[in-house]
PDB file of all heavy atoms in Angstrom:
ATOM      1  N   LEU A   1      77.748 135.956  55.465  1.00  0.00           N
ATOM      2  CA  LEU A   1      77.004 136.696  56.494  1.00  0.00           C
ATOM      3  C   LEU A   1      75.694 137.165  55.924  1.00  0.00           C
ATOM      4  O   LEU A   1      74.677 137.194  56.580  1.00  0.00           O
ATOM      5  CB  LEU A   1      77.769 138.044  56.882  1.00  0.00           C
ATOM      6  CG  LEU A   1      78.917 137.731  57.906  1.00  0.00           C
ATOM      7  CD1 LEU A   1      79.889 138.951  58.030  1.00  0.00           C
ATOM      8  CD2 LEU A   1      78.366 137.234  59.256  1.00  0.00           C
ATOM      9  N   GLY A   2      75.706 137.684  54.643  1.00  0.00           N
ATOM     10  CA  GLY A   2      74.408 138.060  53.992  1.00  0.00           C
ATOM     11  C   GLY A   2      73.415 136.923  53.834  1.00  0.00           C
ATOM     12  O   GLY A   2      72.229 137.128  54.104  1.00  0.00           O
ATOM     13  N   HIS A   3      73.943 135.707  53.518  1.00  0.00           N
ATOM     14  CA  HIS A   3      73.125 134.694  53.362  1.00  0.00           C
ATOM     15  C   HIS A   3      72.507 134.221  54.694  1.00  0.00           C
ATOM     16  O   HIS A   3      71.265 134.003  54.803  1.00  0.00           O
ATOM     17  CB  HIS A   3      73.777 133.531  52.698  1.00  0.00           C
ATOM     18  CG  HIS A   3      74.152 133.596  51.236  1.00  0.00           C
ATOM     19  ND1 HIS A   3      73.151 133.666  50.287  1.00  0.00           N
ATOM     20  CD2 HIS A   3      75.316 133.860  50.663  1.00  0.00           C
ATOM     21  CE1 HIS A   3      73.751 133.810  49.142  1.00  0.00           C
ATOM     22  NE2 HIS A   3      75.088 133.822  49.282  1.00  0.00           N
ATOM     23  N   GLU A   4      73.286 134.224  55.710  1.00  0.00           N
ATOM     24  CA  GLU A   4      72.768 133.735  57.013  1.00  0.00           C
ATOM     25  C   GLU A   4      71.800 134.819  57.586  1.00  0.00           C
ATOM     26  O   GLU A   4      70.766 134.385  58.242  1.00  0.00           O
ATOM     27  CB  GLU A   4      73.899 133.566  58.016  1.00  0.00           C
ATOM     28  CG  GLU A   4      74.767 132.377  57.661  1.00  0.00           C
ATOM     29  CD  GLU A   4      74.031 131.035  57.594  1.00  0.00           C
ATOM     30  OE1 GLU A   4      73.025 130.849  58.367  1.00  0.00           O
ATOM     31  OE2 GLU A   4      74.345 130.309  56.712  1.00  0.00           O
ATOM     32  N   GLN A   5      72.040 135.985  57.375  1.00  0.00           N
ATOM     33  CA  GLN A   5      71.144 137.027  57.762  1.00  0.00           C
ATOM     34  C   GLN A   5      69.687 136.894  57.015  1.00  0.00           C
ATOM     35  O   GLN A   5      68.770 137.004  57.591  1.00  0.00           O
ATOM     36  CB  GLN A   5      71.619 138.443  57.543  1.00  0.00           C
ATOM     37  CG  GLN A   5      70.927 139.525  58.178  1.00  0.00           C
ATOM     38  CD  GLN A   5      71.709 140.829  58.160  1.00  0.00           C
ATOM     39  OE1 GLN A   5      72.384 141.193  57.128  1.00  0.00           O
ATOM     40  NE2 GLN A   5      71.714 141.576  59.090  1.00  0.00           N
ATOM     41  N   TYR A   6      69.803 136.649  55.751  1.00  0.00           N
ATOM     42  CA  TYR A   6      68.647 136.401  54.948  1.00  0.00           C
ATOM     43  C   TYR A   6      67.788 135.203  55.492  1.00  0.00           C
ATOM     44  O   TYR A   6      66.660 135.253  55.634  1.00  0.00           O
ATOM     45  CB  TYR A   6      69.025 136.216  53.475  1.00  0.00           C
ATOM     46  CG  TYR A   6      67.848 135.693  52.518  1.00  0.00           C
ATOM     47  CD1 TYR A   6      66.949 136.698  52.170  1.00  0.00           C
ATOM     48  CD2 TYR A   6      67.703 134.284  52.256  1.00  0.00           C
ATOM     49  CE1 TYR A   6      65.843 136.272  51.319  1.00  0.00           C
ATOM     50  CE2 TYR A   6      66.692 134.021  51.406  1.00  0.00           C
ATOM     51  CZ  TYR A   6      65.787 134.952  50.979  1.00  0.00           C
ATOM     52  OH  TYR A   6      64.740 134.562  50.261  1.00  0.00           O
ATOM     53  N   PHE A   7      68.588 134.020  55.733  1.00  0.00           N
ATOM     54  CA  PHE A   7      67.890 132.875  56.316  1.00  0.00           C
ATOM     55  C   PHE A   7      67.222 133.264  57.636  1.00  0.00           C
ATOM     56  O   PHE A   7      66.032 132.688  57.883  1.00  0.00           O
ATOM     57  CB  PHE A   7      68.843 131.709  56.437  1.00  0.00           C
ATOM     58  CG  PHE A   7      69.411 131.234  55.152  1.00  0.00           C
ATOM     59  CD1 PHE A   7      70.716 130.918  55.050  1.00  0.00           C
ATOM     60  CD2 PHE A   7      68.592 131.162  54.029  1.00  0.00           C
ATOM     61  CE1 PHE A   7      71.285 130.317  53.935  1.00  0.00           C
ATOM     62  CE2 PHE A   7      69.045 130.573  52.819  1.00  0.00           C
ATOM     63  CZ  PHE A   7      70.432 130.227  52.669  1.00  0.00           C
ATOM     64  N   GLN A   8      67.804 134.010  58.411  1.00  0.00           N
ATOM     65  CA  GLN A   8      67.216 134.317  59.832  1.00  0.00           C
ATOM     66  C   GLN A   8      66.044 135.213  59.616  1.00  0.00           C
ATOM     67  O   GLN A   8      65.032 134.971  60.242  1.00  0.00           O
ATOM     68  CB  GLN A   8      68.128 135.230  60.700  1.00  0.00           C
ATOM     69  CG  GLN A   8      69.352 134.478  61.190  1.00  0.00           C
ATOM     70  CD  GLN A   8      70.269 135.393  61.999  1.00  0.00           C
ATOM     71  OE1 GLN A   8      69.735 136.118  62.904  1.00  0.00           O
ATOM     72  NE2 GLN A   8      71.611 135.388  61.670  1.00  0.00           N
ATOM     73  N   THR A   9      66.122 136.110  58.627  1.00  0.00           N
ATOM     74  CA  THR A   9      64.806 136.931  58.346  1.00  0.00           C
ATOM     75  C   THR A   9      63.765 136.082  57.770  1.00  0.00           C
ATOM     76  O   THR A   9      62.630 136.341  58.266  1.00  0.00           O
ATOM     77  CB  THR A   9      65.225 137.980  57.367  1.00  0.00           C
ATOM     78  OG1 THR A   9      66.256 138.814  57.859  1.00  0.00           O
ATOM     79  CG2 THR A   9      64.086 138.824  56.928  1.00  0.00           C
ATOM     80  N   LYS A  10      63.997 135.159  56.985  1.00  0.00           N
ATOM     81  CA  LYS A  10      62.926 134.310  56.410  1.00  0.00           C
ATOM     82  C   LYS A  10      62.312 133.399  57.486  1.00  0.00           C
ATOM     83  O   LYS A  10      61.160 133.232  57.550  1.00  0.00           O
ATOM     84  CB  LYS A  10      63.471 133.518  55.148  1.00  0.00           C
ATOM     85  CG  LYS A  10      63.716 134.326  53.991  1.00  0.00           C
ATOM     86  CD  LYS A  10      62.303 134.865  53.581  1.00  0.00           C
ATOM     87  CE  LYS A  10      62.574 135.962  52.482  1.00  0.00           C
ATOM     88  NZ  LYS A  10      61.281 136.621  52.135  1.00  0.00           N
ATOM     89  N   CYS A  11      63.171 132.830  58.358  1.00  0.00           N
ATOM     90  CA  CYS A  11      62.748 132.014  59.305  1.00  0.00           C
ATOM     91  C   CYS A  11      61.832 132.916  60.402  1.00  0.00           C
ATOM     92  O   CYS A  11      60.763 132.329  60.645  1.00  0.00           O
ATOM     93  CB  CYS A  11      63.811 131.412  60.248  1.00  0.00           C
ATOM     94  SG  CYS A  11      64.705 130.068  59.418  1.00  0.00           S
ATOM     95  N   ASN A  12      62.153 134.081  60.567  1.00  0.00           N
ATOM     96  CA  ASN A  12      61.344 134.909  61.546  1.00  0.00           C
ATOM     97  C   ASN A  12      60.122 135.222  60.831  1.00  0.00           C
ATOM     98  O   ASN A  12      59.062 135.251  61.498  1.00  0.00           O
ATOM     99  CB  ASN A  12      62.103 136.131  61.936  1.00  0.00           C
ATOM    100  CG  ASN A  12      63.265 135.804  62.910  1.00  0.00           C
ATOM    101  OD1 ASN A  12      63.071 134.869  63.643  1.00  0.00           O
ATOM    102  ND2 ASN A  12      64.243 136.527  62.877  1.00  0.00           N
ATOM    103  N   GLU A  13      60.076 135.483  59.531  1.00  0.00           N
ATOM    104  CA  GLU A  13      58.871 135.685  58.818  1.00  0.00           C
ATOM    105  C   GLU A  13      57.842 134.502  58.929  1.00  0.00           C
ATOM    106  O   GLU A  13      56.689 134.680  59.100  1.00  0.00           O
ATOM    107  CB  GLU A  13      59.118 136.057  57.346  1.00  0.00           C
ATOM    108  CG  GLU A  13      59.628 137.450  57.157  1.00  0.00           C
ATOM    109  CD  GLU A  13      60.060 137.697  55.573  1.00  0.00           C
ATOM    110  OE1 GLU A  13      59.700 136.812  54.793  1.00  0.00           O
ATOM    111  OE2 GLU A  13      60.727 138.629  55.395  1.00  0.00           O
ATOM    112  N   ILE A  14      58.359 133.340  58.687  1.00  0.00           N
ATOM    113  CA  ILE A  14      57.588 132.112  58.784  1.00  0.00           C
ATOM    114  C   ILE A  14      57.041 131.923  60.132  1.00  0.00           C
ATOM    115  O   ILE A  14      55.902 131.529  60.424  1.00  0.00           O
ATOM    116  CB  ILE A  14      58.489 130.955  58.316  1.00  0.00           C
ATOM    117  CG1 ILE A  14      58.778 131.078  56.858  1.00  0.00           C
ATOM    118  CG2 ILE A  14      57.687 129.637  58.713  1.00  0.00           C
ATOM    119  CD1 ILE A  14      59.792 129.947  56.353  1.00  0.00           C
ATOM    120  N   ILE A  15      57.915 132.116  61.253  1.00  0.00           N
ATOM    121  CA  ILE A  15      57.505 131.986  62.689  1.00  0.00           C
ATOM    122  C   ILE A  15      56.238 132.800  62.903  1.00  0.00           C
ATOM    123  O   ILE A  15      55.388 132.448  63.554  1.00  0.00           O
ATOM    124  CB  ILE A  15      58.640 132.350  63.595  1.00  0.00           C
ATOM    125  CG1 ILE A  15      59.752 131.272  63.479  1.00  0.00           C
ATOM    126  CG2 ILE A  15      58.135 132.517  65.012  1.00  0.00           C
ATOM    127  CD1 ILE A  15      61.007 131.603  64.153  1.00  0.00           C
ATOM    128  N   SER A  16      56.253 133.964  62.321  1.00  0.00           N
ATOM    129  CA  SER A  16      55.066 134.940  62.618  1.00  0.00           C
ATOM    130  C   SER A  16      53.810 134.483  61.942  1.00  0.00           C
ATOM    131  O   SER A  16      52.677 134.968  62.324  1.00  0.00           O
ATOM    132  CB  SER A  16      55.561 136.344  62.295  1.00  0.00           C
ATOM    133  OG  SER A  16      55.624 136.519  60.914  1.00  0.00           O
ATOM    134  N   THR A  17      53.897 133.621  60.806  1.00  0.00           N
ATOM    135  CA  THR A  17      52.744 133.300  60.164  1.00  0.00           C
ATOM    136  C   THR A  17      52.251 131.896  60.444  1.00  0.00           C
ATOM    137  O   THR A  17      51.114 131.489  60.117  1.00  0.00           O
ATOM    138  CB  THR A  17      53.077 133.391  58.624  1.00  0.00           C
ATOM    139  OG1 THR A  17      54.096 132.461  58.280  1.00  0.00           O
ATOM    140  CG2 THR A  17      53.359 134.865  58.273  1.00  0.00           C
ATOM    141  N   VAL A  18      53.072 130.960  61.052  1.00  0.00           N
ATOM    142  CA  VAL A  18      52.758 129.618  61.259  1.00  0.00           C
ATOM    143  C   VAL A  18      51.913 129.500  62.531  1.00  0.00           C
ATOM    144  O   VAL A  18      52.236 130.012  63.580  1.00  0.00           O
ATOM    145  CB  VAL A  18      53.911 128.724  61.278  1.00  0.00           C
ATOM    146  CG1 VAL A  18      53.690 127.378  61.707  1.00  0.00           C
ATOM    147  CG2 VAL A  18      54.663 128.805  60.014  1.00  0.00           C
ATOM    148  N   SER A  19      50.875 128.635  62.567  1.00  0.00           N
ATOM    149  CA  SER A  19      50.055 128.434  63.715  1.00  0.00           C
ATOM    150  C   SER A  19      50.439 127.021  64.414  1.00  0.00           C
ATOM    151  O   SER A  19      50.189 127.011  65.535  1.00  0.00           O
ATOM    152  CB  SER A  19      48.538 128.570  63.432  1.00  0.00           C
ATOM    153  OG  SER A  19      48.289 127.628  62.424  1.00  0.00           O
ATOM    154  N   ASP A  20      50.983 126.066  63.633  1.00  0.00           N
ATOM    155  CA  ASP A  20      51.263 124.837  64.166  1.00  0.00           C
ATOM    156  C   ASP A  20      52.473 124.956  65.081  1.00  0.00           C
ATOM    157  O   ASP A  20      53.622 125.463  64.559  1.00  0.00           O
ATOM    158  CB  ASP A  20      51.594 123.869  62.998  1.00  0.00           C
ATOM    159  CG  ASP A  20      51.884 122.531  63.499  1.00  0.00           C
ATOM    160  OD1 ASP A  20      50.995 121.645  63.640  1.00  0.00           O
ATOM    161  OD2 ASP A  20      53.113 122.157  63.804  1.00  0.00           O
ATOM    162  N   SER A  21      52.235 124.545  66.321  1.00  0.00           N
ATOM    163  CA  SER A  21      53.356 124.753  67.329  1.00  0.00           C
ATOM    164  C   SER A  21      54.558 123.924  67.072  1.00  0.00           C
ATOM    165  O   SER A  21      55.659 124.444  67.394  1.00  0.00           O
ATOM    166  CB  SER A  21      52.802 124.474  68.735  1.00  0.00           C
ATOM    167  OG  SER A  21      52.398 123.156  68.814  1.00  0.00           O
ATOM    168  N   GLU A  22      54.381 122.726  66.572  1.00  0.00           N
ATOM    169  CA  GLU A  22      55.556 121.853  66.326  1.00  0.00           C
ATOM    170  C   GLU A  22      56.382 122.502  65.117  1.00  0.00           C
ATOM    171  O   GLU A  22      57.617 122.408  65.170  1.00  0.00           O
ATOM    172  CB  GLU A  22      55.069 120.497  65.952  1.00  0.00           C
ATOM    173  CG  GLU A  22      56.196 119.440  65.806  1.00  0.00           C
ATOM    174  CD  GLU A  22      55.699 118.047  65.549  1.00  0.00           C
ATOM    175  OE1 GLU A  22      54.645 117.716  66.130  1.00  0.00           O
ATOM    176  OE2 GLU A  22      56.432 117.198  65.001  1.00  0.00           O
ATOM    177  N   LEU A  23      55.723 122.910  64.111  1.00  0.00           N
ATOM    178  CA  LEU A  23      56.441 123.528  62.983  1.00  0.00           C
ATOM    179  C   LEU A  23      57.064 124.739  63.443  1.00  0.00           C
ATOM    180  O   LEU A  23      58.257 125.108  62.964  1.00  0.00           O
ATOM    181  CB  LEU A  23      55.418 123.764  61.753  1.00  0.00           C
ATOM    182  CG  LEU A  23      55.968 124.423  60.568  1.00  0.00           C
ATOM    183  CD1 LEU A  23      57.137 123.511  60.011  1.00  0.00           C
ATOM    184  CD2 LEU A  23      54.903 124.518  59.548  1.00  0.00           C
ATOM    185  N   LYS A  24      56.404 125.577  64.181  1.00  0.00           N
ATOM    186  CA  LYS A  24      56.955 126.872  64.648  1.00  0.00           C
ATOM    187  C   LYS A  24      58.156 126.668  65.576  1.00  0.00           C
ATOM    188  O   LYS A  24      59.216 127.355  65.279  1.00  0.00           O
ATOM    189  CB  LYS A  24      55.819 127.574  65.538  1.00  0.00           C
ATOM    190  CG  LYS A  24      56.311 128.917  65.959  1.00  0.00           C
ATOM    191  CD  LYS A  24      55.337 129.702  66.714  1.00  0.00           C
ATOM    192  CE  LYS A  24      54.365 130.339  65.610  1.00  0.00           C
ATOM    193  NZ  LYS A  24      53.470 131.359  66.223  1.00  0.00           N
ATOM    194  N   SER A  25      58.155 125.567  66.330  1.00  0.00           N
ATOM    195  CA  SER A  25      59.360 125.180  67.106  1.00  0.00           C
ATOM    196  C   SER A  25      60.503 124.833  66.213  1.00  0.00           C
ATOM    197  O   SER A  25      61.626 125.254  66.492  1.00  0.00           O
ATOM    198  CB  SER A  25      58.982 124.061  68.073  1.00  0.00           C
ATOM    199  OG  SER A  25      60.165 123.655  68.850  1.00  0.00           O
ATOM    200  N   SER A  26      60.226 124.030  65.181  1.00  0.00           N
ATOM    201  CA  SER A  26      61.249 123.591  64.237  1.00  0.00           C
ATOM    202  C   SER A  26      61.992 124.778  63.633  1.00  0.00           C
ATOM    203  O   SER A  26      63.032 124.843  63.450  1.00  0.00           O
ATOM    204  CB  SER A  26      60.781 122.637  63.285  1.00  0.00           C
ATOM    205  OG  SER A  26      60.319 121.483  63.897  1.00  0.00           O
ATOM    206  N   VAL A  27      61.127 125.760  63.142  1.00  0.00           N
ATOM    207  CA  VAL A  27      61.662 126.950  62.509  1.00  0.00           C
ATOM    208  C   VAL A  27      62.393 127.850  63.404  1.00  0.00           C
ATOM    209  O   VAL A  27      63.378 128.344  63.063  1.00  0.00           O
ATOM    210  CB  VAL A  27      60.500 127.699  61.702  1.00  0.00           C
ATOM    211  CG1 VAL A  27      60.956 128.926  61.164  1.00  0.00           C
ATOM    212  CG2 VAL A  27      59.777 126.799  60.692  1.00  0.00           C
ATOM    213  N   GLN A  28      61.958 127.876  64.666  1.00  0.00           N
ATOM    214  CA  GLN A  28      62.653 128.659  65.676  1.00  0.00           C
ATOM    215  C   GLN A  28      64.084 128.072  65.829  1.00  0.00           C
ATOM    216  O   GLN A  28      65.017 128.840  66.044  1.00  0.00           O
ATOM    217  CB  GLN A  28      61.937 128.700  66.943  1.00  0.00           C
ATOM    218  CG  GLN A  28      60.787 129.667  66.903  1.00  0.00           C
ATOM    219  CD  GLN A  28      59.844 129.607  68.140  1.00  0.00           C
ATOM    220  OE1 GLN A  28      59.702 128.491  68.684  1.00  0.00           O
ATOM    221  NE2 GLN A  28      59.234 130.659  68.498  1.00  0.00           N
ATOM    222  N   THR A  29      64.217 126.747  65.808  1.00  0.00           N
ATOM    223  CA  THR A  29      65.427 126.052  66.015  1.00  0.00           C
ATOM    224  C   THR A  29      66.343 126.364  64.846  1.00  0.00           C
ATOM    225  O   THR A  29      67.513 126.592  64.991  1.00  0.00           O
ATOM    226  CB  THR A  29      65.259 124.506  66.086  1.00  0.00           C
ATOM    227  OG1 THR A  29      64.452 124.223  67.198  1.00  0.00           O
ATOM    228  CG2 THR A  29      66.508 123.713  66.223  1.00  0.00           C
ATOM    229  N   MET A  30      65.808 126.379  63.599  1.00  0.00           N
ATOM    230  CA  MET A  30      66.558 126.724  62.392  1.00  0.00           C
ATOM    231  C   MET A  30      67.012 128.187  62.491  1.00  0.00           C
ATOM    232  O   MET A  30      68.145 128.452  62.133  1.00  0.00           O
ATOM    233  CB  MET A  30      65.677 126.456  61.152  1.00  0.00           C
ATOM    234  CG  MET A  30      65.431 125.004  60.900  1.00  0.00           C
ATOM    235  SD  MET A  30      64.317 124.614  59.474  1.00  0.00           S
ATOM    236  CE  MET A  30      64.294 126.061  58.524  1.00  0.00           C
ATOM    237  N   ALA A  31      66.157 129.013  62.841  1.00  0.00           N
ATOM    238  CA  ALA A  31      66.576 130.501  63.012  1.00  0.00           C
ATOM    239  C   ALA A  31      67.783 130.622  64.060  1.00  0.00           C
ATOM    240  O   ALA A  31      68.718 131.391  63.801  1.00  0.00           O
ATOM    241  CB  ALA A  31      65.441 131.293  63.465  1.00  0.00           C
ATOM    242  N   GLY A  32      67.601 129.872  65.125  1.00  0.00           N
ATOM    243  CA  GLY A  32      68.752 129.854  66.214  1.00  0.00           C
ATOM    244  C   GLY A  32      70.030 129.361  65.518  1.00  0.00           C
ATOM    245  O   GLY A  32      71.085 129.941  65.797  1.00  0.00           O
ATOM    246  N   LYS A  33      69.940 128.313  64.716  1.00  0.00           N
ATOM    247  CA  LYS A  33      71.173 127.752  64.118  1.00  0.00           C
ATOM    248  C   LYS A  33      71.723 128.739  63.099  1.00  0.00           C
ATOM    249  O   LYS A  33      72.950 128.909  63.238  1.00  0.00           O
ATOM    250  CB  LYS A  33      70.709 126.481  63.458  1.00  0.00           C
ATOM    251  CG  LYS A  33      71.930 125.773  62.917  1.00  0.00           C
ATOM    252  CD  LYS A  33      72.925 125.316  63.950  1.00  0.00           C
ATOM    253  CE  LYS A  33      74.102 124.527  63.468  1.00  0.00           C
ATOM    254  NZ  LYS A  33      75.095 124.259  64.392  1.00  0.00           N
ATOM    255  N   HIS A  34      70.967 129.487  62.371  1.00  0.00           N
ATOM    256  CA  HIS A  34      71.380 130.356  61.454  1.00  0.00           C
ATOM    257  C   HIS A  34      72.067 131.643  62.119  1.00  0.00           C
ATOM    258  O   HIS A  34      73.025 132.191  61.676  1.00  0.00           O
ATOM    259  CB  HIS A  34      70.366 130.894  60.476  1.00  0.00           C
ATOM    260  CG  HIS A  34      70.025 129.858  59.484  1.00  0.00           C
ATOM    261  ND1 HIS A  34      70.948 129.475  58.532  1.00  0.00           N
ATOM    262  CD2 HIS A  34      68.895 129.159  59.167  1.00  0.00           C
ATOM    263  CE1 HIS A  34      70.427 128.525  57.726  1.00  0.00           C
ATOM    264  NE2 HIS A  34      69.169 128.382  58.130  1.00  0.00           N
ATOM    265  N   LYS A  35      71.433 131.890  63.365  1.00  0.00           N
ATOM    266  CA  LYS A  35      72.168 133.024  64.034  1.00  0.00           C
ATOM    267  C   LYS A  35      73.517 132.622  64.643  1.00  0.00           C
ATOM    268  O   LYS A  35      74.467 133.349  64.626  1.00  0.00           O
ATOM    269  CB  LYS A  35      71.245 133.366  65.292  1.00  0.00           C
ATOM    270  CG  LYS A  35      71.794 134.499  66.044  1.00  0.00           C
ATOM    271  CD  LYS A  35      70.804 134.965  67.176  1.00  0.00           C
ATOM    272  CE  LYS A  35      71.307 136.115  67.798  1.00  0.00           C
ATOM    273  NZ  LYS A  35      70.373 136.729  68.798  1.00  0.00           N
ATOM    274  N   GLU A  36      73.602 131.339  64.969  1.00  0.00           N
ATOM    275  CA  GLU A  36      74.914 130.780  65.506  1.00  0.00           C
ATOM    276  C   GLU A  36      75.950 130.796  64.386  1.00  0.00           C
ATOM    277  O   GLU A  36      77.111 131.222  64.527  1.00  0.00           O
ATOM    278  CB  GLU A  36      74.783 129.361  65.964  1.00  0.00           C
ATOM    279  CG  GLU A  36      74.190 129.205  67.335  1.00  0.00           C
ATOM    280  CD  GLU A  36      73.872 127.701  67.602  1.00  0.00           C
ATOM    281  OE1 GLU A  36      74.653 126.937  67.170  1.00  0.00           O
ATOM    282  OE2 GLU A  36      72.985 127.422  68.385  1.00  0.00           O
ATOM    283  N   ILE A  37      75.546 130.421  63.220  1.00  0.00           N
ATOM    284  CA  ILE A  37      76.409 130.356  61.945  1.00  0.00           C
ATOM    285  C   ILE A  37      76.835 131.871  61.610  1.00  0.00           C
ATOM    286  O   ILE A  37      77.971 132.079  61.393  1.00  0.00           O
ATOM    287  CB  ILE A  37      75.772 129.644  60.845  1.00  0.00           C
ATOM    288  CG1 ILE A  37      75.528 128.211  61.098  1.00  0.00           C
ATOM    289  CG2 ILE A  37      76.620 129.838  59.529  1.00  0.00           C
ATOM    290  CD1 ILE A  37      74.621 127.517  60.093  1.00  0.00           C
ATOM    291  N   PHE A  38      75.879 132.778  61.671  1.00  0.00           N
ATOM    292  CA  PHE A  38      76.110 134.130  61.412  1.00  0.00           C
ATOM    293  C   PHE A  38      77.278 134.705  62.410  1.00  0.00           C
ATOM    294  O   PHE A  38      78.197 135.294  61.904  1.00  0.00           O
ATOM    295  CB  PHE A  38      74.848 134.953  61.545  1.00  0.00           C
ATOM    296  CG  PHE A  38      75.141 136.473  61.392  1.00  0.00           C
ATOM    297  CD1 PHE A  38      75.020 137.072  60.073  1.00  0.00           C
ATOM    298  CD2 PHE A  38      75.378 137.264  62.469  1.00  0.00           C
ATOM    299  CE1 PHE A  38      75.191 138.333  59.935  1.00  0.00           C
ATOM    300  CE2 PHE A  38      75.583 138.574  62.205  1.00  0.00           C
ATOM    301  CZ  PHE A  38      75.486 139.170  60.933  1.00  0.00           C
ATOM    302  N   ASN A  39      77.010 134.388  63.700  1.00  0.00           N
ATOM    303  CA  ASN A  39      77.963 134.864  64.680  1.00  0.00           C
ATOM    304  C   ASN A  39      79.356 134.117  64.430  1.00  0.00           C
ATOM    305  O   ASN A  39      80.398 134.744  64.617  1.00  0.00           O
ATOM    306  CB  ASN A  39      77.529 134.489  66.094  1.00  0.00           C
ATOM    307  CG  ASN A  39      76.385 135.529  66.450  1.00  0.00           C
ATOM    308  OD1 ASN A  39      76.319 136.588  65.890  1.00  0.00           O
ATOM    309  ND2 ASN A  39      75.496 135.022  67.373  1.00  0.00           N
ATOM    310  N   SER A  40      79.377 132.961  63.981  1.00  0.00           N
ATOM    311  CA  SER A  40      80.630 132.261  63.731  1.00  0.00           C
ATOM    312  C   SER A  40      81.482 133.026  62.534  1.00  0.00           C
ATOM    313  O   SER A  40      82.711 133.236  62.707  1.00  0.00           O
ATOM    314  CB  SER A  40      80.472 130.763  63.343  1.00  0.00           C
ATOM    315  OG  SER A  40      79.954 130.013  64.449  1.00  0.00           O
ATOM    316  N   PHE A  41      80.762 133.342  61.502  1.00  0.00           N
ATOM    317  CA  PHE A  41      81.342 134.085  60.488  1.00  0.00           C
ATOM    318  C   PHE A  41      81.739 135.466  60.842  1.00  0.00           C
ATOM    319  O   PHE A  41      82.768 135.902  60.493  1.00  0.00           O
ATOM    320  CB  PHE A  41      80.400 134.229  59.226  1.00  0.00           C
ATOM    321  CG  PHE A  41      80.261 132.993  58.380  1.00  0.00           C
ATOM    322  CD1 PHE A  41      79.107 132.326  58.195  1.00  0.00           C
ATOM    323  CD2 PHE A  41      81.404 132.467  57.875  1.00  0.00           C
ATOM    324  CE1 PHE A  41      78.941 131.283  57.482  1.00  0.00           C
ATOM    325  CE2 PHE A  41      81.279 131.271  57.063  1.00  0.00           C
ATOM    326  CZ  PHE A  41      80.140 130.674  56.829  1.00  0.00           C
ATOM    327  N   LEU A  42      80.927 136.005  61.757  1.00  0.00           N
ATOM    328  CA  LEU A  42      81.256 137.453  62.299  1.00  0.00           C
ATOM    329  C   LEU A  42      82.583 137.441  63.058  1.00  0.00           C
ATOM    330  O   LEU A  42      83.341 138.324  62.999  1.00  0.00           O
ATOM    331  CB  LEU A  42      80.157 137.933  63.031  1.00  0.00           C
ATOM    332  CG  LEU A  42      80.104 139.424  63.370  1.00  0.00           C
ATOM    333  CD1 LEU A  42      80.031 140.228  62.092  1.00  0.00           C
ATOM    334  CD2 LEU A  42      78.865 139.732  64.150  1.00  0.00           C
ATOM    335  N   ASN A  43      82.725 136.331  63.893  1.00  0.00           N
ATOM    336  CA  ASN A  43      83.955 136.190  64.687  1.00  0.00           C
ATOM    337  C   ASN A  43      85.213 136.080  63.735  1.00  0.00           C
ATOM    338  O   ASN A  43      86.290 136.382  64.251  1.00  0.00           O
ATOM    339  CB  ASN A  43      83.711 135.064  65.598  1.00  0.00           C
ATOM    340  CG  ASN A  43      82.932 135.274  66.651  1.00  0.00           C
ATOM    341  OD1 ASN A  43      82.591 136.373  67.120  1.00  0.00           O
ATOM    342  ND2 ASN A  43      82.192 134.264  67.288  1.00  0.00           N
ATOM    343  N   LEU A  44      85.092 135.600  62.593  1.00  0.00           N
ATOM    344  CA  LEU A  44      86.230 135.527  61.706  1.00  0.00           C
ATOM    345  C   LEU A  44      86.871 136.809  61.315  1.00  0.00           C
ATOM    346  O   LEU A  44      87.968 137.041  61.001  1.00  0.00           O
ATOM    347  CB  LEU A  44      85.811 134.719  60.320  1.00  0.00           C
ATOM    348  CG  LEU A  44      85.551 133.290  60.488  1.00  0.00           C
ATOM    349  CD1 LEU A  44      85.055 132.809  59.076  1.00  0.00           C
ATOM    350  CD2 LEU A  44      86.772 132.553  60.889  1.00  0.00           C
ATOM    351  N   LEU A  45      85.842 137.863  61.435  1.00  0.00           N
ATOM    352  CA  LEU A  45      86.291 139.159  61.060  1.00  0.00           C
ATOM    353  C   LEU A  45      86.970 139.913  62.159  1.00  0.00           C
ATOM    354  O   LEU A  45      87.564 141.028  61.986  1.00  0.00           O
ATOM    355  CB  LEU A  45      85.115 140.032  60.591  1.00  0.00           C
ATOM    356  CG  LEU A  45      84.431 139.441  59.404  1.00  0.00           C
ATOM    357  CD1 LEU A  45      83.222 140.367  59.056  1.00  0.00           C
ATOM    358  CD2 LEU A  45      85.304 139.376  58.172  1.00  0.00           C
TER     359      LEU A  45
END
């Protein structure tokens, strides 16, 4: 859970600094995937 939360935070930091729309979209997709994984682990609890 801690790792996935860290990855989400880093993705969001990158999203706020990147100006290239294609790269920003890719990172947003990655952030969404890490959120899904986080929620999957959370559901185990």
